[in-house]
């Protein structure tokens, strides 16, 4: 099976080689990997670095993040399409686990967990994939996206059916897309982490936090439960599940809140 991994970039050379090597290392006898770099006009050598590593580069200077992701995804030759940030790392055996889960089930997308790491690669805990019975109402009630895009793989046909990402969103396009996907079909849950999300302080959700929160409110308005009571019930139920299911992450958040370690994220989600 061919799996396409799309990496959007804009001046992202710092960790790019590690990202590319982690994806390439997931190729195996039964899995061919197509890695596409969707670049928005980098001036730091990002496209050149990617090309030197033998990766396909789609150059779209001036285009938006989700516009580039859509363009690269529509060009994909893989049966499954996934995403990985240029400063993120795919874990060994990730694609074998994803393909195995996809092949065993009858569902059109797969969601796995992730690990958080800091700039030096030190662990900040993990985030398990939410239960596969999560609904759009539950998803948006939390106020932030607990289904990590770097742990998500869509079948190419399902991605096309969904119409890709809404390019009107500048920060939370993945949150909106995943809410639409949940409205269409449940996913196969993978109980293991498949990638590491690197918190550098320069992540889009941190740099454009205010815009992201505004977009999250738009998503909530579209998919929200019928009552505020229901929303609060799902919100605190999901928070409880996420904290209890991810004890290492909870411990890291508590340490940051108490000042025992430097804060690695703009908002500590409890």
C-alpha atoms as a PDB file:
ATOM      1  CA  UNK A   1       0.000   0.000   0.000  1.00  0.00           C
ATOM      2  CA  UNK A   2       1.115   3.546  -0.746  1.00  0.00           C
ATOM      3  CA  UNK A   3       0.757   6.068   2.091  1.00  0.00           C
ATOM      4  CA  UNK A   4       1.123   9.762   1.330  1.00  0.00           C
ATOM      5  CA  UNK A   5       2.431  12.076   4.049  1.00  0.00           C
ATOM      6  CA  UNK A   6       1.977  15.815   3.491  1.00  0.00           C
ATOM      7  CA  UNK A   7       4.223  18.283   5.316  1.00  0.00           C
ATOM      8  CA  UNK A   8       3.346  21.983   4.973  1.00  0.00           C
ATOM      9  CA  UNK A   9       6.365  24.261   5.389  1.00  0.00           C
ATOM     10  CA  UNK A  10       7.295  27.920   5.630  1.00  0.00           C
ATOM     11  CA  UNK A  11      10.886  28.631   6.698  1.00  0.00           C
ATOM     12  CA  UNK A  12      11.041  25.299   8.501  1.00  0.00           C
ATOM     13  CA  UNK A  13      14.547  24.071   7.785  1.00  0.00           C
ATOM     14  CA  UNK A  14      15.594  23.657  11.441  1.00  0.00           C
ATOM     15  CA  UNK A  15      14.037  20.232  12.042  1.00  0.00           C
ATOM     16  CA  UNK A  16      13.126  19.286   8.471  1.00  0.00           C
ATOM     17  CA  UNK A  17      15.807  16.651   7.913  1.00  0.00           C
ATOM     18  CA  UNK A  18      14.800  14.801  11.083  1.00  0.00           C
ATOM     19  CA  UNK A  19      11.158  14.936   9.983  1.00  0.00           C
ATOM     20  CA  UNK A  20      11.962  13.561   6.521  1.00  0.00           C
ATOM     21  CA  UNK A  21      14.163  10.778   7.868  1.00  0.00           C
ATOM     22  CA  UNK A  22      11.465   9.711  10.330  1.00  0.00           C
ATOM     23  CA  UNK A  23       8.942   9.379   7.505  1.00  0.00           C
ATOM     24  CA  UNK A  24      11.375   7.535   5.250  1.00  0.00           C
ATOM     25  CA  UNK A  25      12.176   5.124   8.069  1.00  0.00           C
ATOM     26  CA  UNK A  26       8.552   3.979   8.092  1.00  0.00           C
ATOM     27  CA  UNK A  27       8.733   2.461   4.622  1.00  0.00           C
ATOM     28  CA  UNK A  28       8.682  -1.322   4.719  1.00  0.00           C
ATOM     29  CA  UNK A  29       8.155  -4.296   2.456  1.00  0.00           C
ATOM     30  CA  UNK A  30       4.418  -3.777   2.229  1.00  0.00           C
ATOM     31  CA  UNK A  31       4.330   0.003   2.652  1.00  0.00           C
ATOM     32  CA  UNK A  32       5.564   2.550   0.133  1.00  0.00           C
ATOM     33  CA  UNK A  33       5.784   6.120   1.415  1.00  0.00           C
ATOM     34  CA  UNK A  34       5.164   9.204  -0.704  1.00  0.00           C
ATOM     35  CA  UNK A  35       6.277  12.343   1.150  1.00  0.00           C
ATOM     36  CA  UNK A  36       5.191  15.724  -0.241  1.00  0.00           C
ATOM     37  CA  UNK A  37       6.536  19.023   1.083  1.00  0.00           C
ATOM     38  CA  UNK A  38       3.962  21.788   0.495  1.00  0.00           C
ATOM     39  CA  UNK A  39       6.005  24.975   0.772  1.00  0.00           C
ATOM     40  CA  UNK A  40       4.571  28.472   1.079  1.00  0.00           C
ATOM     41  CA  UNK A  41       7.585  30.435  -0.159  1.00  0.00           C
ATOM     42  CA  UNK A  42      10.396  29.684   2.281  1.00  0.00           C
ATOM     43  CA  UNK A  43      13.570  31.767   2.102  1.00  0.00           C
ATOM     44  CA  UNK A  44      15.691  29.752   4.549  1.00  0.00           C
ATOM     45  CA  UNK A  45      16.562  26.842   2.268  1.00  0.00           C
ATOM     46  CA  UNK A  46      13.613  24.624   3.198  1.00  0.00           C
ATOM     47  CA  UNK A  47      12.708  23.577  -0.396  1.00  0.00           C
ATOM     48  CA  UNK A  48      16.362  22.984  -1.241  1.00  0.00           C
ATOM     49  CA  UNK A  49      16.855  20.833   1.867  1.00  0.00           C
ATOM     50  CA  UNK A  50      13.763  18.781   1.020  1.00  0.00           C
ATOM     51  CA  UNK A  51      14.862  18.305  -2.584  1.00  0.00           C
ATOM     52  CA  UNK A  52      18.351  17.281  -1.455  1.00  0.00           C
ATOM     53  CA  UNK A  53      16.719  14.598   0.691  1.00  0.00           C
ATOM     54  CA  UNK A  54      14.869  13.280  -2.354  1.00  0.00           C
ATOM     55  CA  UNK A  55      11.430  14.485  -1.287  1.00  0.00           C
ATOM     56  CA  UNK A  56       8.851  15.870  -3.696  1.00  0.00           C
ATOM     57  CA  UNK A  57       8.347  19.630  -3.239  1.00  0.00           C
ATOM     58  CA  UNK A  58       5.159  21.505  -4.113  1.00  0.00           C
ATOM     59  CA  UNK A  59       5.995  25.227  -4.119  1.00  0.00           C
ATOM     60  CA  UNK A  60       3.087  27.636  -3.676  1.00  0.00           C
ATOM     61  CA  UNK A  61       4.496  31.008  -2.520  1.00  0.00           C
ATOM     62  CA  UNK A  62       1.946  33.200  -0.789  1.00  0.00           C
ATOM     63  CA  UNK A  63      -0.658  30.467  -0.422  1.00  0.00           C
ATOM     64  CA  UNK A  64      -2.393  29.718   2.870  1.00  0.00           C
ATOM     65  CA  UNK A  65      -1.589  26.727   5.059  1.00  0.00           C
ATOM     66  CA  UNK A  66      -4.752  24.758   4.375  1.00  0.00           C
ATOM     67  CA  UNK A  67      -4.755  25.707   0.712  1.00  0.00           C
ATOM     68  CA  UNK A  68      -1.315  24.117   0.368  1.00  0.00           C
ATOM     69  CA  UNK A  69      -2.375  21.033   2.313  1.00  0.00           C
ATOM     70  CA  UNK A  70      -5.396  20.622   0.024  1.00  0.00           C
ATOM     71  CA  UNK A  71      -3.312  20.963  -3.120  1.00  0.00           C
ATOM     72  CA  UNK A  72      -0.758  18.416  -1.966  1.00  0.00           C
ATOM     73  CA  UNK A  73      -3.465  16.008  -0.774  1.00  0.00           C
ATOM     74  CA  UNK A  74      -5.285  16.160  -4.097  1.00  0.00           C
ATOM     75  CA  UNK A  75      -2.008  15.230  -5.826  1.00  0.00           C
ATOM     76  CA  UNK A  76      -1.447  12.261  -3.536  1.00  0.00           C
ATOM     77  CA  UNK A  77      -1.089   8.805  -5.023  1.00  0.00           C
ATOM     78  CA  UNK A  78      -1.473   7.033  -1.685  1.00  0.00           C
ATOM     79  CA  UNK A  79      -4.533   5.112  -0.592  1.00  0.00           C
ATOM     80  CA  UNK A  80      -4.090   6.759   2.804  1.00  0.00           C
ATOM     81  CA  UNK A  81      -3.169  10.419   3.380  1.00  0.00           C
ATOM     82  CA  UNK A  82      -1.595  11.704   6.583  1.00  0.00           C
ATOM     83  CA  UNK A  83       0.103  14.869   7.784  1.00  0.00           C
ATOM     84  CA  UNK A  84       3.267  15.709   9.697  1.00  0.00           C
ATOM     85  CA  UNK A  85       4.614  19.112  10.679  1.00  0.00           C
ATOM     86  CA  UNK A  86       8.141  19.992   9.599  1.00  0.00           C
ATOM     87  CA  UNK A  87       9.283  20.105  13.228  1.00  0.00           C
ATOM     88  CA  UNK A  88       7.476  16.885  14.153  1.00  0.00           C
ATOM     89  CA  UNK A  89       8.685  13.284  14.101  1.00  0.00           C
ATOM     90  CA  UNK A  90       6.961  10.114  12.941  1.00  0.00           C
ATOM     91  CA  UNK A  91       7.572   7.265  15.372  1.00  0.00           C
ATOM     92  CA  UNK A  92       9.109   3.966  14.203  1.00  0.00           C
ATOM     93  CA  UNK A  93       6.465   1.463  13.141  1.00  0.00           C
ATOM     94  CA  UNK A  94       3.769   4.138  12.925  1.00  0.00           C
ATOM     95  CA  UNK A  95       2.698   3.485   9.349  1.00  0.00           C
ATOM     96  CA  UNK A  96       2.688  -0.278   9.848  1.00  0.00           C
ATOM     97  CA  UNK A  97       0.301   0.222  12.770  1.00  0.00           C
ATOM     98  CA  UNK A  98      -1.893   2.644  10.800  1.00  0.00           C
ATOM     99  CA  UNK A  99      -2.064   0.444   7.702  1.00  0.00           C
ATOM    100  CA  UNK A 100      -2.765  -2.628   9.819  1.00  0.00           C
ATOM    101  CA  UNK A 101      -5.636  -0.904  11.628  1.00  0.00           C
ATOM    102  CA  UNK A 102      -7.045   0.383   8.345  1.00  0.00           C
ATOM    103  CA  UNK A 103      -6.824  -3.015   6.655  1.00  0.00           C
ATOM    104  CA  UNK A 104      -8.463  -4.852   9.561  1.00  0.00           C
ATOM    105  CA  UNK A 105     -11.409  -2.493   9.810  1.00  0.00           C
ATOM    106  CA  UNK A 106     -14.069  -1.215   7.475  1.00  0.00           C
ATOM    107  CA  UNK A 107     -13.775   2.464   8.372  1.00  0.00           C
ATOM    108  CA  UNK A 108     -12.397   5.177   6.151  1.00  0.00           C
ATOM    109  CA  UNK A 109     -10.056   6.918   8.539  1.00  0.00           C
ATOM    110  CA  UNK A 110      -7.711   6.055  11.378  1.00  0.00           C
ATOM    111  CA  UNK A 111      -6.734   8.121  14.422  1.00  0.00           C
ATOM    112  CA  UNK A 112      -3.743   7.314  16.626  1.00  0.00           C
ATOM    113  CA  UNK A 113      -2.192   8.992  19.634  1.00  0.00           C
ATOM    114  CA  UNK A 114       0.774  11.349  19.764  1.00  0.00           C
ATOM    115  CA  UNK A 115       3.644  12.259  22.057  1.00  0.00           C
ATOM    116  CA  UNK A 116       4.523  15.827  23.015  1.00  0.00           C
ATOM    117  CA  UNK A 117       8.224  16.754  22.946  1.00  0.00           C
ATOM    118  CA  UNK A 118      10.138  19.983  23.554  1.00  0.00           C
ATOM    119  CA  UNK A 119      12.712  21.624  21.299  1.00  0.00           C
ATOM    120  CA  UNK A 120      15.395  19.193  22.456  1.00  0.00           C
ATOM    121  CA  UNK A 121      13.195  16.124  21.981  1.00  0.00           C
ATOM    122  CA  UNK A 122      12.446  15.619  25.686  1.00  0.00           C
ATOM    123  CA  UNK A 123       9.095  14.058  26.520  1.00  0.00           C
ATOM    124  CA  UNK A 124       6.226  16.265  27.686  1.00  0.00           C
ATOM    125  CA  UNK A 125       3.748  13.402  27.920  1.00  0.00           C
ATOM    126  CA  UNK A 126       1.333  12.007  25.400  1.00  0.00           C
ATOM    127  CA  UNK A 127      -2.206  12.364  24.125  1.00  0.00           C
ATOM    128  CA  UNK A 128      -4.119   9.174  23.369  1.00  0.00           C
ATOM    129  CA  UNK A 129      -6.669   9.154  20.572  1.00  0.00           C
ATOM    130  CA  UNK A 130     -10.164   9.860  21.931  1.00  0.00           C
ATOM    131  CA  UNK A 131     -12.701   6.999  21.896  1.00  0.00           C
ATOM    132  CA  UNK A 132     -13.988   6.215  18.415  1.00  0.00           C
ATOM    133  CA  UNK A 133     -17.556   6.896  19.557  1.00  0.00           C
ATOM    134  CA  UNK A 134     -16.818  10.604  20.005  1.00  0.00           C
ATOM    135  CA  UNK A 135     -19.406  12.760  18.212  1.00  0.00           C
ATOM    136  CA  UNK A 136     -19.055  16.214  16.654  1.00  0.00           C
ATOM    137  CA  UNK A 137     -20.948  17.709  19.606  1.00  0.00           C
ATOM    138  CA  UNK A 138     -18.549  16.140  22.087  1.00  0.00           C
ATOM    139  CA  UNK A 139     -15.573  17.123  19.953  1.00  0.00           C
ATOM    140  CA  UNK A 140     -16.390  20.834  19.772  1.00  0.00           C
ATOM    141  CA  UNK A 141     -17.671  21.096  23.355  1.00  0.00           C
ATOM    142  CA  UNK A 142     -14.126  20.700  24.654  1.00  0.00           C
ATOM    143  CA  UNK A 143     -13.077  24.009  23.101  1.00  0.00           C
ATOM    144  CA  UNK A 144      -9.880  22.658  21.526  1.00  0.00           C
ATOM    145  CA  UNK A 145      -9.066  19.823  19.168  1.00  0.00           C
ATOM    146  CA  UNK A 146      -8.165  16.544  20.945  1.00  0.00           C
ATOM    147  CA  UNK A 147      -7.887  14.607  17.657  1.00  0.00           C
ATOM    148  CA  UNK A 148      -4.359  15.392  16.563  1.00  0.00           C
ATOM    149  CA  UNK A 149      -3.897  15.862  12.842  1.00  0.00           C
ATOM    150  CA  UNK A 150      -0.440  14.260  12.888  1.00  0.00           C
ATOM    151  CA  UNK A 151      -2.082  11.115  14.251  1.00  0.00           C
ATOM    152  CA  UNK A 152      -4.846  11.080  11.621  1.00  0.00           C
ATOM    153  CA  UNK A 153      -4.961   9.249   8.289  1.00  0.00           C
ATOM    154  CA  UNK A 154      -7.800   9.569   5.764  1.00  0.00           C
ATOM    155  CA  UNK A 155      -8.514   7.287   2.857  1.00  0.00           C
ATOM    156  CA  UNK A 156      -8.029   9.287  -0.326  1.00  0.00           C
ATOM    157  CA  UNK A 157     -11.676   8.774  -1.311  1.00  0.00           C
ATOM    158  CA  UNK A 158     -12.917   9.967   2.091  1.00  0.00           C
ATOM    159  CA  UNK A 159     -10.732  13.074   1.904  1.00  0.00           C
ATOM    160  CA  UNK A 160     -12.164  13.857  -1.537  1.00  0.00           C
ATOM    161  CA  UNK A 161     -15.705  13.277  -0.277  1.00  0.00           C
ATOM    162  CA  UNK A 162     -15.140  15.734   2.562  1.00  0.00           C
ATOM    163  CA  UNK A 163     -13.868  18.310   0.097  1.00  0.00           C
ATOM    164  CA  UNK A 164     -10.618  18.924   1.926  1.00  0.00           C
ATOM    165  CA  UNK A 165      -9.938  21.706   4.407  1.00  0.00           C
ATOM    166  CA  UNK A 166     -11.940  24.920   4.489  1.00  0.00           C
ATOM    167  CA  UNK A 167      -9.386  27.509   3.372  1.00  0.00           C
ATOM    168  CA  UNK A 168     -11.283  30.308   5.133  1.00  0.00           C
ATOM    169  CA  UNK A 169      -9.706  29.015   8.350  1.00  0.00           C
ATOM    170  CA  UNK A 170      -6.165  30.206   8.996  1.00  0.00           C
ATOM    171  CA  UNK A 171      -5.393  28.310  12.221  1.00  0.00           C
ATOM    172  CA  UNK A 172      -8.145  25.820  13.144  1.00  0.00           C
ATOM    173  CA  UNK A 173      -8.860  24.316   9.748  1.00  0.00           C
ATOM    174  CA  UNK A 174      -7.948  20.874  11.065  1.00  0.00           C
ATOM    175  CA  UNK A 175     -10.434  21.210  13.952  1.00  0.00           C
ATOM    176  CA  UNK A 176     -13.241  22.107  11.527  1.00  0.00           C
ATOM    177  CA  UNK A 177     -12.289  19.369   9.069  1.00  0.00           C
ATOM    178  CA  UNK A 178     -12.245  16.727  11.800  1.00  0.00           C
ATOM    179  CA  UNK A 179     -15.655  17.845  13.074  1.00  0.00           C
ATOM    180  CA  UNK A 180     -17.003  17.373   9.540  1.00  0.00           C
ATOM    181  CA  UNK A 181     -15.338  13.982   9.290  1.00  0.00           C
ATOM    182  CA  UNK A 182     -16.967  12.901  12.560  1.00  0.00           C
ATOM    183  CA  UNK A 183     -20.312  14.061  11.175  1.00  0.00           C
ATOM    184  CA  UNK A 184     -19.820  11.724   8.236  1.00  0.00           C
ATOM    185  CA  UNK A 185     -18.275   8.569   9.717  1.00  0.00           C
ATOM    186  CA  UNK A 186     -16.564   7.218  12.863  1.00  0.00           C
ATOM    187  CA  UNK A 187     -12.872   6.385  12.783  1.00  0.00           C
ATOM    188  CA  UNK A 188     -10.807   3.365  13.716  1.00  0.00           C
ATOM    189  CA  UNK A 189      -8.977   4.167  16.938  1.00  0.00           C
ATOM    190  CA  UNK A 190      -5.328   3.202  17.203  1.00  0.00           C
ATOM    191  CA  UNK A 191      -4.254   2.719  20.810  1.00  0.00           C
ATOM    192  CA  UNK A 192      -0.585   3.598  20.239  1.00  0.00           C
ATOM    193  CA  UNK A 193       1.145   6.925  19.499  1.00  0.00           C
ATOM    194  CA  UNK A 194       2.264   7.401  15.909  1.00  0.00           C
ATOM    195  CA  UNK A 195       4.069  10.757  15.975  1.00  0.00           C
ATOM    196  CA  UNK A 196       5.728  13.342  18.197  1.00  0.00           C
ATOM    197  CA  UNK A 197       4.457  16.925  18.204  1.00  0.00           C
ATOM    198  CA  UNK A 198       7.322  19.290  18.950  1.00  0.00           C
ATOM    199  CA  UNK A 199       6.391  22.306  21.084  1.00  0.00           C
ATOM    200  CA  UNK A 200       8.777  25.081  20.104  1.00  0.00           C
ATOM    201  CA  UNK A 201       6.759  28.118  21.145  1.00  0.00           C
ATOM    202  CA  UNK A 202       6.578  29.009  17.455  1.00  0.00           C
ATOM    203  CA  UNK A 203       3.799  26.566  16.602  1.00  0.00           C
ATOM    204  CA  UNK A 204       0.947  28.182  14.681  1.00  0.00           C
ATOM    205  CA  UNK A 205      -1.560  27.607  17.486  1.00  0.00           C
ATOM    206  CA  UNK A 206       0.756  29.475  19.883  1.00  0.00           C
ATOM    207  CA  UNK A 207       1.805  32.316  17.598  1.00  0.00           C
ATOM    208  CA  UNK A 208      -1.758  32.975  16.421  1.00  0.00           C
ATOM    209  CA  UNK A 209      -3.565  31.972  19.588  1.00  0.00           C
ATOM    210  CA  UNK A 210      -6.180  34.748  19.494  1.00  0.00           C
ATOM    211  CA  UNK A 211      -7.150  33.992  15.902  1.00  0.00           C
ATOM    212  CA  UNK A 212      -7.284  30.292  16.717  1.00  0.00           C
ATOM    213  CA  UNK A 213      -9.658  30.847  19.625  1.00  0.00           C
ATOM    214  CA  UNK A 214     -11.916  32.972  17.416  1.00  0.00           C
ATOM    215  CA  UNK A 215     -12.049  30.198  14.842  1.00  0.00           C
ATOM    216  CA  UNK A 216     -12.724  27.614  17.553  1.00  0.00           C
ATOM    217  CA  UNK A 217     -15.773  29.648  18.561  1.00  0.00           C
ATOM    218  CA  UNK A 218     -16.982  29.597  14.961  1.00  0.00           C
ATOM    219  CA  UNK A 219     -16.641  25.819  14.926  1.00  0.00           C
ATOM    220  CA  UNK A 220     -18.491  25.512  18.230  1.00  0.00           C
ATOM    221  CA  UNK A 221     -21.327  27.654  16.884  1.00  0.00           C
ATOM    222  CA  UNK A 222     -21.685  25.371  13.875  1.00  0.00           C
ATOM    223  CA  UNK A 223     -21.554  21.984  15.618  1.00  0.00           C
ATOM    224  CA  UNK A 224     -22.583  22.882  19.175  1.00  0.00           C
ATOM    225  CA  UNK A 225     -24.935  20.743  21.322  1.00  0.00           C
ATOM    226  CA  UNK A 226     -28.573  21.751  21.647  1.00  0.00           C
ATOM    227  CA  UNK A 227     -28.131  23.250  25.105  1.00  0.00           C
ATOM    228  CA  UNK A 228     -25.414  24.858  27.211  1.00  0.00           C
ATOM    229  CA  UNK A 229     -26.001  22.209  29.868  1.00  0.00           C
ATOM    230  CA  UNK A 230     -25.224  19.461  27.362  1.00  0.00           C
ATOM    231  CA  UNK A 231     -22.118  21.302  26.182  1.00  0.00           C
ATOM    232  CA  UNK A 232     -20.759  21.684  29.693  1.00  0.00           C
ATOM    233  CA  UNK A 233     -21.494  18.036  30.412  1.00  0.00           C
ATOM    234  CA  UNK A 234     -19.519  16.883  27.379  1.00  0.00           C
ATOM    235  CA  UNK A 235     -16.787  19.438  28.041  1.00  0.00           C
ATOM    236  CA  UNK A 236     -16.026  18.301  31.567  1.00  0.00           C
ATOM    237  CA  UNK A 237     -16.587  14.651  30.713  1.00  0.00           C
ATOM    238  CA  UNK A 238     -13.998  14.878  27.925  1.00  0.00           C
ATOM    239  CA  UNK A 239     -11.557  16.815  30.130  1.00  0.00           C
ATOM    240  CA  UNK A 240     -11.837  14.140  32.806  1.00  0.00           C
ATOM    241  CA  UNK A 241     -11.303  11.322  30.296  1.00  0.00           C
ATOM    242  CA  UNK A 242      -8.323  13.040  28.656  1.00  0.00           C
ATOM    243  CA  UNK A 243      -6.550  13.806  31.931  1.00  0.00           C
ATOM    244  CA  UNK A 244      -7.095  10.347  33.403  1.00  0.00           C
ATOM    245  CA  UNK A 245      -6.105   8.629  30.148  1.00  0.00           C
ATOM    246  CA  UNK A 246      -2.909  10.642  29.791  1.00  0.00           C
ATOM    247  CA  UNK A 247      -1.305  10.742  33.268  1.00  0.00           C
ATOM    248  CA  UNK A 248       2.169  11.716  32.073  1.00  0.00           C
ATOM    249  CA  UNK A 249       0.783  14.705  30.194  1.00  0.00           C
ATOM    250  CA  UNK A 250      -1.297  15.650  33.241  1.00  0.00           C
ATOM    251  CA  UNK A 251       1.817  15.517  35.427  1.00  0.00           C
ATOM    252  CA  UNK A 252       3.734  17.732  32.986  1.00  0.00           C
ATOM    253  CA  UNK A 253       0.899  20.274  32.919  1.00  0.00           C
ATOM    254  CA  UNK A 254       0.739  20.360  36.708  1.00  0.00           C
ATOM    255  CA  UNK A 255       4.503  20.847  36.906  1.00  0.00           C
ATOM    256  CA  UNK A 256       4.281  23.755  34.466  1.00  0.00           C
ATOM    257  CA  UNK A 257       1.384  25.347  36.320  1.00  0.00           C
ATOM    258  CA  UNK A 258       3.292  25.094  39.608  1.00  0.00           C
ATOM    259  CA  UNK A 259       6.402  26.612  38.048  1.00  0.00           C
ATOM    260  CA  UNK A 260       8.441  23.430  38.429  1.00  0.00           C
ATOM    261  CA  UNK A 261       9.312  23.408  34.734  1.00  0.00           C
ATOM    262  CA  UNK A 262       9.176  26.001  31.919  1.00  0.00           C
ATOM    263  CA  UNK A 263       5.820  26.357  30.214  1.00  0.00           C
ATOM    264  CA  UNK A 264       5.808  24.586  26.836  1.00  0.00           C
ATOM    265  CA  UNK A 265       2.415  25.731  25.573  1.00  0.00           C
ATOM    266  CA  UNK A 266       0.436  28.950  25.462  1.00  0.00           C
ATOM    267  CA  UNK A 267      -2.569  27.481  27.248  1.00  0.00           C
ATOM    268  CA  UNK A 268      -2.538  24.562  29.689  1.00  0.00           C
ATOM    269  CA  UNK A 269      -5.610  22.514  28.766  1.00  0.00           C
ATOM    270  CA  UNK A 270      -7.111  20.938  31.911  1.00  0.00           C
END
